[in-house]
Amino acid sequence: MHEPPYGVGRGYTFKFVEGMCVSNEPGFYKEGEFGIRIENVIMCVPHPQHEGFYMWENLTVAPYSRALIDKDMLSPADVRYLDTFHAKCLEKLSPLLAGDERALAYLQKQCAPL
C-alpha cells in the first residue's frame, strides 16, 4: 500500500485496526525489460495465537497462475501458503462455477496442490 495515510514502513505512523481493509501490491520490476505486480485486498484481523497482535487476512479469491510459479524458488512455508490459499479459492469459487464444466476444470487445475 502506498496511498497516504496508510503504509507499512519508515515514516508511516497510521495505526491499523481490526476490520480495516487495504490493498497489498507487491511487485517486481526489471528496468527496461518488464514488471509484474499482484494486488490483493487484505483485512486486519486478530492473530489467533498471539493476543494483542494482528495479522492480514487475504480477501481476494483468485488463484495465482501456475504458469508463473517456479516451485523451486519457493520455501516450504511459501508452498504451504499457496496450497492453503488455492484450497480456499477452490472452496469459495467452485459453487459459482458448478454449471460451467470448462471453467470448473480450469479452476481445479490452477488450485491443485503444488
C-alpha atoms as a PDB file:
ATOM      1  CA  MET A   1       0.000   0.000   0.000  1.00  0.00           C
ATOM      2  CA  HIS A   2       1.240   3.406  -0.786  1.00  0.00           C
ATOM      3  CA  GLU A   3      -1.642   5.853  -0.674  1.00  0.00           C
ATOM      4  CA  PRO A   4      -1.299   8.093   2.395  1.00  0.00           C
ATOM      5  CA  PRO A   5      -2.046   7.975   5.228  1.00  0.00           C
ATOM      6  CA  TYR A   6      -1.762   4.177   5.036  1.00  0.00           C
ATOM      7  CA  GLY A   7       1.509   2.399   4.611  1.00  0.00           C
ATOM      8  CA  VAL A   8       3.959  -0.013   6.121  1.00  0.00           C
ATOM      9  CA  GLY A   9       7.490   1.201   6.602  1.00  0.00           C
ATOM     10  CA  ARG A  10       9.521   4.056   7.970  1.00  0.00           C
ATOM     11  CA  GLY A  11       7.698   7.314   8.301  1.00  0.00           C
ATOM     12  CA  TYR A  12       4.209   5.814   8.446  1.00  0.00           C
ATOM     13  CA  THR A  13       2.509   6.360  11.790  1.00  0.00           C
ATOM     14  CA  PHE A  14      -1.047   5.382  10.904  1.00  0.00           C
ATOM     15  CA  LYS A  15      -2.380   2.652  13.207  1.00  0.00           C
ATOM     16  CA  PHE A  16      -4.177  -0.266  11.634  1.00  0.00           C
ATOM     17  CA  VAL A  17      -7.251  -1.544  13.476  1.00  0.00           C
ATOM     18  CA  GLU A  18      -9.299  -4.727  13.311  1.00  0.00           C
ATOM     19  CA  GLY A  19     -11.566  -4.818  10.263  1.00  0.00           C
ATOM     20  CA  MET A  20      -9.576  -2.282   8.243  1.00  0.00           C
ATOM     21  CA  CYS A  21      -9.187  -3.292   4.589  1.00  0.00           C
ATOM     22  CA  VAL A  22      -6.312  -2.102   2.400  1.00  0.00           C
ATOM     23  CA  SER A  23      -4.574  -3.285  -0.752  1.00  0.00           C
ATOM     24  CA  ASN A  24      -1.331  -5.239  -0.787  1.00  0.00           C
ATOM     25  CA  GLU A  25       0.594  -4.575  -4.001  1.00  0.00           C
ATOM     26  CA  PRO A  26       3.901  -6.448  -4.117  1.00  0.00           C
ATOM     27  CA  GLY A  27       5.745  -6.284  -7.396  1.00  0.00           C
ATOM     28  CA  PHE A  28       8.990  -6.847  -9.207  1.00  0.00           C
ATOM     29  CA  TYR A  29      10.294  -4.569 -11.923  1.00  0.00           C
ATOM     30  CA  LYS A  30      13.354  -5.196 -14.076  1.00  0.00           C
ATOM     31  CA  GLU A  31      14.220  -1.807 -15.516  1.00  0.00           C
ATOM     32  CA  GLY A  32      13.774  -1.631 -19.273  1.00  0.00           C
ATOM     33  CA  GLU A  33      12.525  -5.229 -19.516  1.00  0.00           C
ATOM     34  CA  PHE A  34       9.319  -5.987 -17.623  1.00  0.00           C
ATOM     35  CA  GLY A  35       7.333  -5.599 -14.473  1.00  0.00           C
ATOM     36  CA  ILE A  36       4.759  -7.655 -12.664  1.00  0.00           C
ATOM     37  CA  ARG A  37       2.550  -6.754  -9.756  1.00  0.00           C
ATOM     38  CA  ILE A  38      -0.247  -8.502  -7.951  1.00  0.00           C
ATOM     39  CA  GLU A  39      -2.826  -6.617  -5.959  1.00  0.00           C
ATOM     40  CA  ASN A  40      -4.845  -8.267  -3.232  1.00  0.00           C
ATOM     41  CA  VAL A  41      -7.291  -6.758  -0.772  1.00  0.00           C
ATOM     42  CA  ILE A  42      -6.354  -7.677   2.790  1.00  0.00           C
ATOM     43  CA  MET A  43      -8.085  -7.142   6.137  1.00  0.00           C
ATOM     44  CA  CYS A  44      -6.567  -6.535   9.562  1.00  0.00           C
ATOM     45  CA  VAL A  45      -7.663  -9.368  11.905  1.00  0.00           C
ATOM     46  CA  PRO A  46      -6.619 -10.502  15.392  1.00  0.00           C
ATOM     47  CA  HIS A  47      -3.789 -13.049  15.383  1.00  0.00           C
ATOM     48  CA  PRO A  48      -5.234 -16.345  16.644  1.00  0.00           C
ATOM     49  CA  GLN A  49      -2.076 -17.343  18.536  1.00  0.00           C
ATOM     50  CA  HIS A  50      -0.766 -14.010  19.822  1.00  0.00           C
ATOM     51  CA  GLU A  51      -3.191 -11.941  21.886  1.00  0.00           C
ATOM     52  CA  GLY A  52      -2.874  -8.226  21.242  1.00  0.00           C
ATOM     53  CA  PHE A  53      -1.290  -8.775  17.822  1.00  0.00           C
ATOM     54  CA  TYR A  54      -2.841  -8.565  14.384  1.00  0.00           C
ATOM     55  CA  MET A  55      -2.273 -10.191  11.022  1.00  0.00           C
ATOM     56  CA  TRP A  56      -3.590  -9.813   7.495  1.00  0.00           C
ATOM     57  CA  GLU A  57      -6.343 -11.973   6.024  1.00  0.00           C
ATOM     58  CA  ASN A  58      -6.341 -12.115   2.238  1.00  0.00           C
ATOM     59  CA  LEU A  59      -9.841 -11.315   0.960  1.00  0.00           C
ATOM     60  CA  THR A  60      -9.009 -11.747  -2.727  1.00  0.00           C
ATOM     61  CA  VAL A  61     -10.212 -15.096  -4.026  1.00  0.00           C
ATOM     62  CA  ALA A  62      -8.493 -15.656  -7.369  1.00  0.00           C
ATOM     63  CA  PRO A  63      -5.831 -18.323  -7.842  1.00  0.00           C
ATOM     64  CA  TYR A  64      -2.323 -17.418  -8.913  1.00  0.00           C
ATOM     65  CA  SER A  65      -1.398 -18.608 -12.392  1.00  0.00           C
ATOM     66  CA  ARG A  66       0.584 -21.832 -12.127  1.00  0.00           C
ATOM     67  CA  ALA A  67       2.452 -20.861 -15.297  1.00  0.00           C
ATOM     68  CA  LEU A  68       4.045 -18.015 -13.336  1.00  0.00           C
ATOM     69  CA  ILE A  69       5.060 -20.079 -10.279  1.00  0.00           C
ATOM     70  CA  ASP A  70       8.522 -21.640 -10.076  1.00  0.00           C
ATOM     71  CA  LYS A  71       8.174 -24.030  -7.148  1.00  0.00           C
ATOM     72  CA  ASP A  72      11.952 -24.477  -6.974  1.00  0.00           C
ATOM     73  CA  MET A  73      12.243 -20.845  -5.858  1.00  0.00           C
ATOM     74  CA  LEU A  74       9.751 -21.251  -3.006  1.00  0.00           C
ATOM     75  CA  SER A  75      10.368 -22.184   0.606  1.00  0.00           C
ATOM     76  CA  PRO A  76       8.261 -24.942   2.178  1.00  0.00           C
ATOM     77  CA  ALA A  77       6.322 -22.190   4.009  1.00  0.00           C
ATOM     78  CA  ASP A  78       5.603 -20.463   0.672  1.00  0.00           C
ATOM     79  CA  VAL A  79       4.299 -23.721  -0.816  1.00  0.00           C
ATOM     80  CA  ARG A  80       2.060 -24.288   2.227  1.00  0.00           C
ATOM     81  CA  TYR A  81       0.729 -20.730   1.960  1.00  0.00           C
ATOM     82  CA  LEU A  82      -0.075 -21.100  -1.750  1.00  0.00           C
ATOM     83  CA  ASP A  83      -1.657 -24.533  -1.298  1.00  0.00           C
ATOM     84  CA  THR A  84      -3.825 -23.228   1.549  1.00  0.00           C
ATOM     85  CA  PHE A  85      -4.767 -20.122  -0.443  1.00  0.00           C
ATOM     86  CA  HIS A  86      -5.641 -22.187  -3.516  1.00  0.00           C
ATOM     87  CA  ALA A  87      -7.756 -24.562  -1.405  1.00  0.00           C
ATOM     88  CA  LYS A  88      -9.702 -21.503  -0.180  1.00  0.00           C
ATOM     89  CA  CYS A  89     -10.146 -20.292  -3.774  1.00  0.00           C
ATOM     90  CA  LEU A  90     -11.403 -23.709  -4.849  1.00  0.00           C
ATOM     91  CA  GLU A  91     -13.849 -23.880  -1.930  1.00  0.00           C
ATOM     92  CA  LYS A  92     -15.256 -20.390  -2.498  1.00  0.00           C
ATOM     93  CA  LEU A  93     -15.366 -20.370  -6.318  1.00  0.00           C
ATOM     94  CA  SER A  94     -16.403 -23.952  -7.189  1.00  0.00           C
ATOM     95  CA  PRO A  95     -20.084 -23.464  -6.294  1.00  0.00           C
ATOM     96  CA  LEU A  96     -20.189 -20.380  -8.537  1.00  0.00           C
ATOM     97  CA  LEU A  97     -18.866 -22.386 -11.493  1.00  0.00           C
ATOM     98  CA  ALA A  98     -20.963 -25.515 -10.985  1.00  0.00           C
ATOM     99  CA  GLY A  99     -22.781 -25.011 -14.290  1.00  0.00           C
ATOM    100  CA  ASP A 100     -19.635 -24.469 -16.354  1.00  0.00           C
ATOM    101  CA  GLU A 101     -17.559 -27.646 -16.641  1.00  0.00           C
ATOM    102  CA  ARG A 102     -14.767 -25.965 -18.592  1.00  0.00           C
ATOM    103  CA  ALA A 103     -14.354 -23.114 -16.089  1.00  0.00           C
ATOM    104  CA  LEU A 104     -14.555 -25.518 -13.136  1.00  0.00           C
ATOM    105  CA  ALA A 105     -11.875 -27.769 -14.664  1.00  0.00           C
ATOM    106  CA  TYR A 106      -9.614 -24.735 -15.188  1.00  0.00           C
ATOM    107  CA  LEU A 107     -10.133 -23.645 -11.575  1.00  0.00           C
ATOM    108  CA  GLN A 108      -9.367 -27.143 -10.294  1.00  0.00           C
ATOM    109  CA  LYS A 109      -6.168 -27.272 -12.341  1.00  0.00           C
ATOM    110  CA  GLN A 110      -4.999 -23.849 -11.092  1.00  0.00           C
ATOM    111  CA  CYS A 111      -5.827 -24.739  -7.471  1.00  0.00           C
ATOM    112  CA  ALA A 112      -4.239 -28.198  -7.389  1.00  0.00           C
ATOM    113  CA  PRO A 113      -1.543 -28.533  -4.697  1.00  0.00           C
ATOM    114  CA  LEU A 114       1.906 -27.510  -5.861  1.00  0.00           C
END
